[in-house]
Amino acid sequence: KKVELLMDAFNALNHPTFWSGDQNINTTTFGVVSSM
């Protein structure tokens, strides 16, 4: 018998990583990064 205590930290450094933004030159959000 044993007991395990766990602490998990996902993205522990809270580092932002962005997706490439809007790639169409004819849209009004061209080049804008809107998601991670």
Full PDB file with SEQRES, HELIX, SHEET, SSBOND, CRYST1, ORIGX, SCALE, CONECT and MASTER records, all heavy atoms in Angstrom:
SEQRES   1 A   36  LYS LYS VAL GLU LEU LEU MET ASP ALA PHE ASN ALA LEU          
SEQRES   2 A   36  ASN HIS PRO THR PHE TRP SER GLY ASP GLN ASN ILE ASN          
SEQRES   3 A   36  THR THR THR PHE GLY VAL VAL SER SER MET                      
CRYST1    1.000    1.000    1.000  90.00  90.00  90.00 P 1           1          
ORIGX1      1.000000  0.000000  0.000000        0.00000                         
ORIGX2      0.000000  1.000000  0.000000        0.00000                         
ORIGX3      0.000000  0.000000  1.000000        0.00000                         
SCALE1      1.000000  0.000000  0.000000        0.00000                         
SCALE2      0.000000  1.000000  0.000000        0.00000                         
SCALE3      0.000000  0.000000  1.000000        0.00000                         
ATOM      1  N   LYS A   1       0.837  -1.193   0.000  1.00  0.00           N  
ATOM      2  CA  LYS A   1       0.000   0.000   0.000  1.00  0.00           C  
ATOM      3  C   LYS A   1       0.875   1.248   0.000  1.00  0.00           C  
ATOM      4  O   LYS A   1       1.894   1.308   0.694  1.00  0.00           O  
ATOM      5  CB  LYS A   1      -0.921   0.021   1.224  1.00  0.00           C  
ATOM      6  CG  LYS A   1      -1.893  -1.155   1.288  1.00  0.00           C  
ATOM      7  CD  LYS A   1      -2.746  -1.092   2.546  1.00  0.00           C  
ATOM      8  CE  LYS A   1      -3.676  -2.294   2.633  1.00  0.00           C  
ATOM      9  NZ  LYS A   1      -4.501  -2.277   3.866  1.00  0.00           N  
ATOM     10  N   LYS A   2       0.436   2.229  -0.809  1.00  0.00           N  
ATOM     11  CA  LYS A   2       1.174   3.489  -0.834  1.00  0.00           C  
ATOM     12  C   LYS A   2       0.246   4.608  -1.304  1.00  0.00           C  
ATOM     13  O   LYS A   2      -0.789   4.381  -1.935  1.00  0.00           O  
ATOM     14  CB  LYS A   2       2.385   3.406  -1.762  1.00  0.00           C  
ATOM     15  CG  LYS A   2       2.057   3.148  -3.212  1.00  0.00           C  
ATOM     16  CD  LYS A   2       3.331   3.073  -4.061  1.00  0.00           C  
ATOM     17  CE  LYS A   2       2.993   2.790  -5.528  1.00  0.00           C  
ATOM     18  NZ  LYS A   2       4.222   2.722  -6.360  1.00  0.00           N  
ATOM     19  N   VAL A   3       0.662   5.827  -0.990  1.00  0.00           N  
ATOM     20  CA  VAL A   3      -0.079   7.024  -1.374  1.00  0.00           C  
ATOM     21  C   VAL A   3       0.835   7.901  -2.214  1.00  0.00           C  
ATOM     22  O   VAL A   3       2.014   8.085  -1.859  1.00  0.00           O  
ATOM     23  CB  VAL A   3      -0.582   7.813  -0.142  1.00  0.00           C  
ATOM     24  CG1 VAL A   3      -1.192   9.140  -0.563  1.00  0.00           C  
ATOM     25  CG2 VAL A   3      -1.598   6.987   0.636  1.00  0.00           C  
ATOM     26  N   GLU A   4       0.320   8.427  -3.328  1.00  0.00           N  
ATOM     27  CA  GLU A   4       1.092   9.327  -4.187  1.00  0.00           C  
ATOM     28  C   GLU A   4       0.409  10.684  -4.243  1.00  0.00           C  
ATOM     29  O   GLU A   4      -0.792  10.784  -4.519  1.00  0.00           O  
ATOM     30  CB  GLU A   4       1.205   8.763  -5.612  1.00  0.00           C  
ATOM     31  CG  GLU A   4       2.075   7.518  -5.714  1.00  0.00           C  
ATOM     32  CD  GLU A   4       2.160   7.002  -7.135  1.00  0.00           C  
ATOM     33  OE1 GLU A   4       1.276   7.370  -7.960  1.00  0.00           O  
ATOM     34  OE2 GLU A   4       3.082   6.232  -7.432  1.00  0.00           O  
ATOM     35  N   LEU A   5       1.187  11.729  -3.969  1.00  0.00           N  
ATOM     36  CA  LEU A   5       0.718  13.111  -4.101  1.00  0.00           C  
ATOM     37  C   LEU A   5       1.339  13.688  -5.370  1.00  0.00           C  
ATOM     38  O   LEU A   5       2.561  13.598  -5.574  1.00  0.00           O  
ATOM     39  CB  LEU A   5       1.125  13.943  -2.892  1.00  0.00           C  
ATOM     40  CG  LEU A   5       0.640  13.428  -1.522  1.00  0.00           C  
ATOM     41  CD1 LEU A   5       1.244  14.263  -0.402  1.00  0.00           C  
ATOM     42  CD2 LEU A   5      -0.880  13.487  -1.463  1.00  0.00           C  
ATOM     43  N   LEU A   6       0.514  14.276  -6.256  1.00  0.00           N  
ATOM     44  CA  LEU A   6       0.987  14.748  -7.554  1.00  0.00           C  
ATOM     45  C   LEU A   6       0.663  16.213  -7.747  1.00  0.00           C  
ATOM     46  O   LEU A   6      -0.405  16.700  -7.341  1.00  0.00           O  
ATOM     47  CB  LEU A   6       0.331  13.949  -8.689  1.00  0.00           C  
ATOM     48  CG  LEU A   6       0.440  12.424  -8.657  1.00  0.00           C  
ATOM     49  CD1 LEU A   6      -0.434  11.820  -9.728  1.00  0.00           C  
ATOM     50  CD2 LEU A   6       1.887  12.018  -8.878  1.00  0.00           C  
ATOM     51  N   MET A   7       1.584  16.919  -8.384  1.00  0.00           N  
ATOM     52  CA  MET A   7       1.314  18.276  -8.872  1.00  0.00           C  
ATOM     53  C   MET A   7       1.816  18.347 -10.309  1.00  0.00           C  
ATOM     54  O   MET A   7       3.003  18.149 -10.564  1.00  0.00           O  
ATOM     55  CB  MET A   7       2.003  19.346  -8.033  1.00  0.00           C  
ATOM     56  CG  MET A   7       1.648  20.762  -8.502  1.00  0.00           C  
ATOM     57  SD  MET A   7       2.560  22.083  -7.682  1.00  0.00           S  
ATOM     58  CE  MET A   7       4.164  21.908  -8.468  1.00  0.00           C  
ATOM     59  N   ASP A   8       0.924  18.603 -11.267  1.00  0.00           N  
ATOM     60  CA  ASP A   8       1.271  18.729 -12.676  1.00  0.00           C  
ATOM     61  C   ASP A   8       1.078  20.170 -13.115  1.00  0.00           C  
ATOM     62  O   ASP A   8       0.048  20.799 -12.796  1.00  0.00           O  
ATOM     63  CB  ASP A   8       0.395  17.821 -13.534  1.00  0.00           C  
ATOM     64  CG  ASP A   8       0.690  16.357 -13.296  1.00  0.00           C  
ATOM     65  OD1 ASP A   8       1.870  15.986 -13.363  1.00  0.00           O  
ATOM     66  OD2 ASP A   8      -0.263  15.588 -13.044  1.00  0.00           O  
ATOM     67  N   ALA A   9       2.051  20.685 -13.851  1.00  0.00           N  
ATOM     68  CA  ALA A   9       1.958  22.039 -14.405  1.00  0.00           C  
ATOM     69  C   ALA A   9       2.146  21.933 -15.916  1.00  0.00           C  
ATOM     70  O   ALA A   9       3.239  21.608 -16.389  1.00  0.00           O  
ATOM     71  CB  ALA A   9       3.015  22.954 -13.790  1.00  0.00           C  
ATOM     72  N   PHE A  10       1.078  22.172 -16.652  1.00  0.00           N  
ATOM     73  CA  PHE A  10       1.135  22.156 -18.107  1.00  0.00           C  
ATOM     74  C   PHE A  10       1.416  23.573 -18.607  1.00  0.00           C  
ATOM     75  O   PHE A  10       0.797  24.532 -18.167  1.00  0.00           O  
ATOM     76  CB  PHE A  10      -0.180  21.631 -18.690  1.00  0.00           C  
ATOM     77  CG  PHE A  10      -0.548  20.267 -18.178  1.00  0.00           C  
ATOM     78  CD1 PHE A  10      -1.476  20.118 -17.160  1.00  0.00           C  
ATOM     79  CD2 PHE A  10       0.045  19.128 -18.699  1.00  0.00           C  
ATOM     80  CE1 PHE A  10      -1.815  18.868 -16.686  1.00  0.00           C  
ATOM     81  CE2 PHE A  10      -0.284  17.861 -18.228  1.00  0.00           C  
ATOM     82  CZ  PHE A  10      -1.219  17.733 -17.214  1.00  0.00           C  
ATOM     83  N   ASN A  11       2.364  23.671 -19.561  1.00  0.00           N  
ATOM     84  CA  ASN A  11       2.874  24.980 -19.970  1.00  0.00           C  
ATOM     85  C   ASN A  11       3.302  25.748 -18.722  1.00  0.00           C  
ATOM     86  O   ASN A  11       2.833  26.855 -18.446  1.00  0.00           O  
ATOM     87  CB  ASN A  11       1.831  25.771 -20.762  1.00  0.00           C  
ATOM     88  CG  ASN A  11       2.406  27.017 -21.429  1.00  0.00           C  
ATOM     89  OD1 ASN A  11       3.618  27.235 -21.458  1.00  0.00           O  
ATOM     90  ND2 ASN A  11       1.528  27.858 -21.955  1.00  0.00           N  
ATOM     91  N   ALA A  12       4.191  25.124 -17.989  1.00  0.00           N  
ATOM     92  CA  ALA A  12       4.557  25.607 -16.659  1.00  0.00           C  
ATOM     93  C   ALA A  12       5.073  27.038 -16.657  1.00  0.00           C  
ATOM     94  O   ALA A  12       4.861  27.790 -15.693  1.00  0.00           O  
ATOM     95  CB  ALA A  12       5.608  24.680 -16.045  1.00  0.00           C  
ATOM     96  N   LEU A  13       5.771  27.444 -17.720  1.00  0.00           N  
ATOM     97  CA  LEU A  13       6.312  28.803 -17.775  1.00  0.00           C  
ATOM     98  C   LEU A  13       5.313  29.795 -18.346  1.00  0.00           C  
ATOM     99  O   LEU A  13       5.638  30.978 -18.509  1.00  0.00           O  
ATOM    100  CB  LEU A  13       7.589  28.811 -18.616  1.00  0.00           C  
ATOM    101  CG  LEU A  13       8.717  27.885 -18.132  1.00  0.00           C  
ATOM    102  CD1 LEU A  13       9.942  28.039 -19.011  1.00  0.00           C  
ATOM    103  CD2 LEU A  13       9.062  28.162 -16.674  1.00  0.00           C  
ATOM    104  N   ASN A  14       4.110  29.313 -18.668  1.00  0.00           N  
ATOM    105  CA  ASN A  14       3.058  30.161 -19.229  1.00  0.00           C  
ATOM    106  C   ASN A  14       3.563  30.915 -20.469  1.00  0.00           C  
ATOM    107  O   ASN A  14       3.308  32.101 -20.651  1.00  0.00           O  
ATOM    108  CB  ASN A  14       2.546  31.157 -18.183  1.00  0.00           C  
ATOM    109  CG  ASN A  14       1.125  31.624 -18.490  1.00  0.00           C  
ATOM    110  OD1 ASN A  14       0.347  30.891 -19.103  1.00  0.00           O  
ATOM    111  ND2 ASN A  14       0.796  32.824 -18.078  1.00  0.00           N  
ATOM    112  N   HIS A  15       4.263  30.172 -21.315  1.00  0.00           N  
ATOM    113  CA  HIS A  15       4.868  30.775 -22.500  1.00  0.00           C  
ATOM    114  C   HIS A  15       3.854  30.814 -23.641  1.00  0.00           C  
ATOM    115  O   HIS A  15       3.314  29.780 -24.037  1.00  0.00           O  
ATOM    116  CB  HIS A  15       6.105  29.968 -22.920  1.00  0.00           C  
ATOM    117  CG  HIS A  15       6.894  30.597 -24.022  1.00  0.00           C  
ATOM    118  ND1 HIS A  15       6.563  30.442 -25.349  1.00  0.00           N  
ATOM    119  CD2 HIS A  15       7.999  31.391 -23.995  1.00  0.00           C  
ATOM    120  CE1 HIS A  15       7.439  31.104 -26.089  1.00  0.00           C  
ATOM    121  NE2 HIS A  15       8.305  31.685 -25.300  1.00  0.00           N  
ATOM    122  N   PRO A  16       3.564  31.991 -24.225  1.00  0.00           N  
ATOM    123  CA  PRO A  16       2.598  32.053 -25.330  1.00  0.00           C  
ATOM    124  C   PRO A  16       3.214  31.547 -26.626  1.00  0.00           C  
ATOM    125  O   PRO A  16       4.332  31.904 -26.988  1.00  0.00           O  
ATOM    126  CB  PRO A  16       2.272  33.551 -25.426  1.00  0.00           C  
ATOM    127  CG  PRO A  16       3.504  34.231 -24.921  1.00  0.00           C  
ATOM    128  CD  PRO A  16       4.084  33.331 -23.859  1.00  0.00           C  
ATOM    129  N   THR A  17       2.492  30.696 -27.317  1.00  0.00           N  
ATOM    130  CA  THR A  17       2.915  30.183 -28.620  1.00  0.00           C  
ATOM    131  C   THR A  17       1.769  30.399 -29.595  1.00  0.00           C  
ATOM    132  O   THR A  17       0.675  29.909 -29.373  1.00  0.00           O  
ATOM    133  CB  THR A  17       3.265  28.688 -28.548  1.00  0.00           C  
ATOM    134  OG1 THR A  17       4.361  28.519 -27.636  1.00  0.00           O  
ATOM    135  CG2 THR A  17       3.670  28.157 -29.902  1.00  0.00           C  
ATOM    136  N   PHE A  18       2.037  31.138 -30.674  1.00  0.00           N  
ATOM    137  CA  PHE A  18       0.961  31.607 -31.546  1.00  0.00           C  
ATOM    138  C   PHE A  18       0.890  30.809 -32.847  1.00  0.00           C  
ATOM    139  O   PHE A  18       1.902  30.385 -33.397  1.00  0.00           O  
ATOM    140  CB  PHE A  18       1.171  33.085 -31.877  1.00  0.00           C  
ATOM    141  CG  PHE A  18       1.170  33.986 -30.666  1.00  0.00           C  
ATOM    142  CD1 PHE A  18       2.360  34.420 -30.099  1.00  0.00           C  
ATOM    143  CD2 PHE A  18      -0.020  34.378 -30.081  1.00  0.00           C  
ATOM    144  CE1 PHE A  18       2.363  35.235 -28.987  1.00  0.00           C  
ATOM    145  CE2 PHE A  18      -0.029  35.194 -28.963  1.00  0.00           C  
ATOM    146  CZ  PHE A  18       1.166  35.623 -28.420  1.00  0.00           C  
ATOM    147  N   TRP A  19      -0.348  30.654 -33.327  1.00  0.00           N  
ATOM    148  CA  TRP A  19      -0.578  30.127 -34.666  1.00  0.00           C  
ATOM    149  C   TRP A  19      -0.276  31.225 -35.674  1.00  0.00           C  
ATOM    150  O   TRP A  19      -0.348  32.416 -35.373  1.00  0.00           O  
ATOM    151  CB  TRP A  19      -2.036  29.707 -34.844  1.00  0.00           C  
ATOM    152  CG  TRP A  19      -2.414  28.406 -34.236  1.00  0.00           C  
ATOM    153  CD1 TRP A  19      -3.138  28.224 -33.083  1.00  0.00           C  
ATOM    154  CD2 TRP A  19      -2.130  27.096 -34.731  1.00  0.00           C  
ATOM    155  NE1 TRP A  19      -3.310  26.887 -32.837  1.00  0.00           N  
ATOM    156  CE2 TRP A  19      -2.706  26.161 -33.831  1.00  0.00           C  
ATOM    157  CE3 TRP A  19      -1.445  26.611 -35.840  1.00  0.00           C  
ATOM    158  CZ2 TRP A  19      -2.619  24.794 -34.008  1.00  0.00           C  
ATOM    159  CZ3 TRP A  19      -1.361  25.249 -36.026  1.00  0.00           C  
ATOM    160  CH2 TRP A  19      -1.937  24.358 -35.121  1.00  0.00           C  
ATOM    161  N   SER A  20       0.031  30.821 -36.919  1.00  0.00           N  
ATOM    162  CA  SER A  20       0.142  31.807 -37.991  1.00  0.00           C  
ATOM    163  C   SER A  20      -1.213  32.474 -38.184  1.00  0.00           C  
ATOM    164  O   SER A  20      -2.261  31.839 -38.068  1.00  0.00           O  
ATOM    165  CB  SER A  20       0.580  31.141 -39.298  1.00  0.00           C  
ATOM    166  OG  SER A  20       1.836  30.513 -39.151  1.00  0.00           O  
ATOM    167  N   GLY A  21      -1.195  33.753 -38.484  1.00  0.00           N  
ATOM    168  CA  GLY A  21      -2.437  34.508 -38.595  1.00  0.00           C  
ATOM    169  C   GLY A  21      -3.112  34.369 -39.948  1.00  0.00           C  
ATOM    170  O   GLY A  21      -2.806  33.466 -40.740  1.00  0.00           O  
ATOM    171  N   ASP A  22      -4.036  35.265 -40.232  1.00  0.00           N  
ATOM    172  CA  ASP A  22      -4.789  35.272 -41.481  1.00  0.00           C  
ATOM    173  C   ASP A  22      -3.829  35.478 -42.652  1.00  0.00           C  
ATOM    174  O   ASP A  22      -3.067  36.436 -42.685  1.00  0.00           O  
ATOM    175  CB  ASP A  22      -5.824  36.396 -41.432  1.00  0.00           C  
ATOM    176  CG  ASP A  22      -6.854  36.289 -42.543  1.00  0.00           C  
ATOM    177  OD1 ASP A  22      -6.530  35.714 -43.592  1.00  0.00           O  
ATOM    178  OD2 ASP A  22      -7.975  36.793 -42.354  1.00  0.00           O  
ATOM    179  N   GLN A  23      -3.891  34.574 -43.637  1.00  0.00           N  
ATOM    180  CA  GLN A  23      -2.915  34.562 -44.720  1.00  0.00           C  
ATOM    181  C   GLN A  23      -3.450  35.103 -46.036  1.00  0.00           C  
ATOM    182  O   GLN A  23      -2.735  35.125 -47.035  1.00  0.00           O  
ATOM    183  CB  GLN A  23      -2.423  33.123 -44.927  1.00  0.00           C  
ATOM    184  CG  GLN A  23      -1.838  32.510 -43.675  1.00  0.00           C  
ATOM    185  CD  GLN A  23      -1.774  30.993 -43.736  1.00  0.00           C  
ATOM    186  OE1 GLN A  23      -1.676  30.400 -44.803  1.00  0.00           O  
ATOM    187  NE2 GLN A  23      -1.826  30.347 -42.575  1.00  0.00           N  
ATOM    188  N   ASN A  24      -4.701  35.543 -46.074  1.00  0.00           N  
ATOM    189  CA  ASN A  24      -5.321  36.009 -47.317  1.00  0.00           C  
ATOM    190  C   ASN A  24      -5.230  37.525 -47.401  1.00  0.00           C  
ATOM    191  O   ASN A  24      -5.732  38.236 -46.520  1.00  0.00           O  
ATOM    192  CB  ASN A  24      -6.777  35.561 -47.384  1.00  0.00           C  
ATOM    193  CG  ASN A  24      -7.384  35.766 -48.760  1.00  0.00           C  
ATOM    194  OD1 ASN A  24      -7.308  36.839 -49.342  1.00  0.00           O  
ATOM    195  ND2 ASN A  24      -7.986  34.723 -49.292  1.00  0.00           N  
ATOM    196  N   ILE A  25      -4.602  38.020 -48.466  1.00  0.00           N  
ATOM    197  CA  ILE A  25      -4.368  39.464 -48.589  1.00  0.00           C  
ATOM    198  C   ILE A  25      -5.654  40.251 -48.789  1.00  0.00           C  
ATOM    199  O   ILE A  25      -5.650  41.486 -48.637  1.00  0.00           O  
ATOM    200  CB  ILE A  25      -3.392  39.767 -49.739  1.00  0.00           C  
ATOM    201  CG1 ILE A  25      -3.970  39.296 -51.083  1.00  0.00           C  
ATOM    202  CG2 ILE A  25      -2.037  39.124 -49.480  1.00  0.00           C  
ATOM    203  CD1 ILE A  25      -3.110  39.674 -52.278  1.00  0.00           C  
ATOM    204  N   ASN A  26      -6.761  39.581 -49.107  1.00  0.00           N  
ATOM    205  CA  ASN A  26      -8.015  40.286 -49.377  1.00  0.00           C  
ATOM    206  C   ASN A  26      -8.946  40.359 -48.174  1.00  0.00           C  
ATOM    207  O   ASN A  26     -10.037  40.913 -48.276  1.00  0.00           O  
ATOM    208  CB  ASN A  26      -8.752  39.622 -50.545  1.00  0.00           C  
ATOM    209  CG  ASN A  26      -8.008  39.784 -51.859  1.00  0.00           C  
ATOM    210  OD1 ASN A  26      -7.884  40.884 -52.379  1.00  0.00           O  
ATOM    211  ND2 ASN A  26      -7.488  38.686 -52.390  1.00  0.00           N  
ATOM    212  N   THR A  27      -8.542  39.799 -47.037  1.00  0.00           N  
ATOM    213  CA  THR A  27      -9.376  39.858 -45.838  1.00  0.00           C  
ATOM    214  C   THR A  27      -8.953  41.030 -44.969  1.00  0.00           C  
ATOM    215  O   THR A  27      -7.810  41.489 -45.019  1.00  0.00           O  
ATOM    216  CB  THR A  27      -9.278  38.560 -45.025  1.00  0.00           C  
ATOM    217  OG1 THR A  27      -7.911  38.351 -44.644  1.00  0.00           O  
ATOM    218  CG2 THR A  27      -9.741  37.376 -45.846  1.00  0.00           C  
ATOM    219  N   THR A  28      -9.873  41.499 -44.159  1.00  0.00           N  
ATOM    220  CA  THR A  28      -9.609  42.674 -43.321  1.00  0.00           C  
ATOM    221  C   THR A  28      -8.802  42.345 -42.072  1.00  0.00           C  
ATOM    222  O   THR A  28      -8.493  43.246 -41.287  1.00  0.00           O  
ATOM    223  CB  THR A  28     -10.937  43.336 -42.913  1.00  0.00           C  
ATOM    224  OG1 THR A  28     -11.754  42.365 -42.244  1.00  0.00           O  
ATOM    225  CG2 THR A  28     -11.677  43.841 -44.134  1.00  0.00           C  
ATOM    226  N   THR A  29      -8.471  41.070 -41.881  1.00  0.00           N  
ATOM    227  CA  THR A  29      -7.630  40.675 -40.737  1.00  0.00           C  
ATOM    228  C   THR A  29      -6.314  40.067 -41.223  1.00  0.00           C  
ATOM    229  O   THR A  29      -5.711  39.265 -40.528  1.00  0.00           O  
ATOM    230  CB  THR A  29      -8.373  39.663 -39.846  1.00  0.00           C  
ATOM    231  OG1 THR A  29      -8.803  38.551 -40.646  1.00  0.00           O  
ATOM    232  CG2 THR A  29      -9.574  40.306 -39.179  1.00  0.00           C  
ATOM    233  N   PHE A  30      -5.882  40.446 -42.410  1.00  0.00           N  
ATOM    234  CA  PHE A  30      -4.660  39.896 -42.994  1.00  0.00           C  
ATOM    235  C   PHE A  30      -3.475  40.112 -42.052  1.00  0.00           C  
ATOM    236  O   PHE A  30      -3.213  41.220 -41.603  1.00  0.00           O  
ATOM    237  CB  PHE A  30      -4.379  40.563 -44.336  1.00  0.00           C  
ATOM    238  CG  PHE A  30      -3.059  40.180 -44.956  1.00  0.00           C  
ATOM    239  CD1 PHE A  30      -2.768  38.849 -45.228  1.00  0.00           C  
ATOM    240  CD2 PHE A  30      -2.114  41.141 -45.264  1.00  0.00           C  
ATOM    241  CE1 PHE A  30      -1.561  38.472 -45.798  1.00  0.00           C  
ATOM    242  CE2 PHE A  30      -0.899  40.789 -45.843  1.00  0.00           C  
ATOM    243  CZ  PHE A  30      -0.625  39.454 -46.105  1.00  0.00           C  
ATOM    244  N   GLY A  31      -2.761  39.017 -41.759  1.00  0.00           N  
ATOM    245  CA  GLY A  31      -1.568  39.091 -40.928  1.00  0.00           C  
ATOM    246  C   GLY A  31      -1.820  39.095 -39.440  1.00  0.00           C  
ATOM    247  O   GLY A  31      -0.878  39.011 -38.652  1.00  0.00           O  
ATOM    248  N   VAL A  32      -3.081  39.161 -39.025  1.00  0.00           N  
ATOM    249  CA  VAL A  32      -3.408  39.235 -37.598  1.00  0.00           C  
ATOM    250  C   VAL A  32      -3.367  37.843 -36.985  1.00  0.00           C  
ATOM    251  O   VAL A  32      -3.970  36.902 -37.503  1.00  0.00           O  
ATOM    252  CB  VAL A  32      -4.790  39.867 -37.386  1.00  0.00           C  
ATOM    253  CG1 VAL A  32      -5.176  39.838 -35.909  1.00  0.00           C  
ATOM    254  CG2 VAL A  32      -4.805  41.300 -37.912  1.00  0.00           C  
ATOM    255  N   VAL A  33      -2.646  37.688 -35.871  1.00  0.00           N  
ATOM    256  CA  VAL A  33      -2.583  36.424 -35.144  1.00  0.00           C  
ATOM    257  C   VAL A  33      -3.670  36.447 -34.072  1.00  0.00           C  
ATOM    258  O   VAL A  33      -3.676  37.329 -33.212  1.00  0.00           O  
ATOM    259  CB  VAL A  33      -1.198  36.223 -34.503  1.00  0.00           C  
ATOM    260  CG1 VAL A  33      -1.173  34.942 -33.686  1.00  0.00           C  
ATOM    261  CG2 VAL A  33      -0.114  36.197 -35.581  1.00  0.00           C  
ATOM    262  N   SER A  34      -4.576  35.479 -34.122  1.00  0.00           N  
ATOM    263  CA  SER A  34      -5.729  35.524 -33.221  1.00  0.00           C  
ATOM    264  C   SER A  34      -5.891  34.277 -32.365  1.00  0.00           C  
ATOM    265  O   SER A  34      -6.879  34.157 -31.641  1.00  0.00           O  
ATOM    266  CB  SER A  34      -7.013  35.738 -34.038  1.00  0.00           C  
ATOM    267  OG  SER A  34      -7.178  34.699 -34.999  1.00  0.00           O  
ATOM    268  N   SER A  35      -4.951  33.322 -32.439  1.00  0.00           N  
ATOM    269  CA  SER A  35      -5.095  32.117 -31.626  1.00  0.00           C  
ATOM    270  C   SER A  35      -3.733  31.590 -31.221  1.00  0.00           C  
ATOM    271  O   SER A  35      -2.710  31.919 -31.844  1.00  0.00           O  
ATOM    272  CB  SER A  35      -5.877  31.036 -32.387  1.00  0.00           C  
ATOM    273  OG  SER A  35      -5.236  30.706 -33.601  1.00  0.00           O  
ATOM    274  N   MET A  36      -3.715  30.762 -30.172  1.00  0.00           N  
ATOM    275  CA  MET A  36      -2.468  30.213 -29.656  1.00  0.00           C  
ATOM    276  C   MET A  36      -2.437  28.703 -29.829  1.00  0.00           C  
ATOM    277  O   MET A  36      -3.478  28.046 -29.884  1.00  0.00           O  
ATOM    278  CB  MET A  36      -2.293  30.577 -28.183  1.00  0.00           C  
ATOM    279  CG  MET A  36      -2.042  32.054 -27.929  1.00  0.00           C  
ATOM    280  SD  MET A  36      -1.415  32.388 -26.257  1.00  0.00           S  
ATOM    281  CE  MET A  36      -2.762  31.790 -25.261  1.00  0.00           C  
TER     282      MET A  36                                                      
MASTER        0    0    0    0    0    0    0    6  281    1    0    3          
END                                                                             
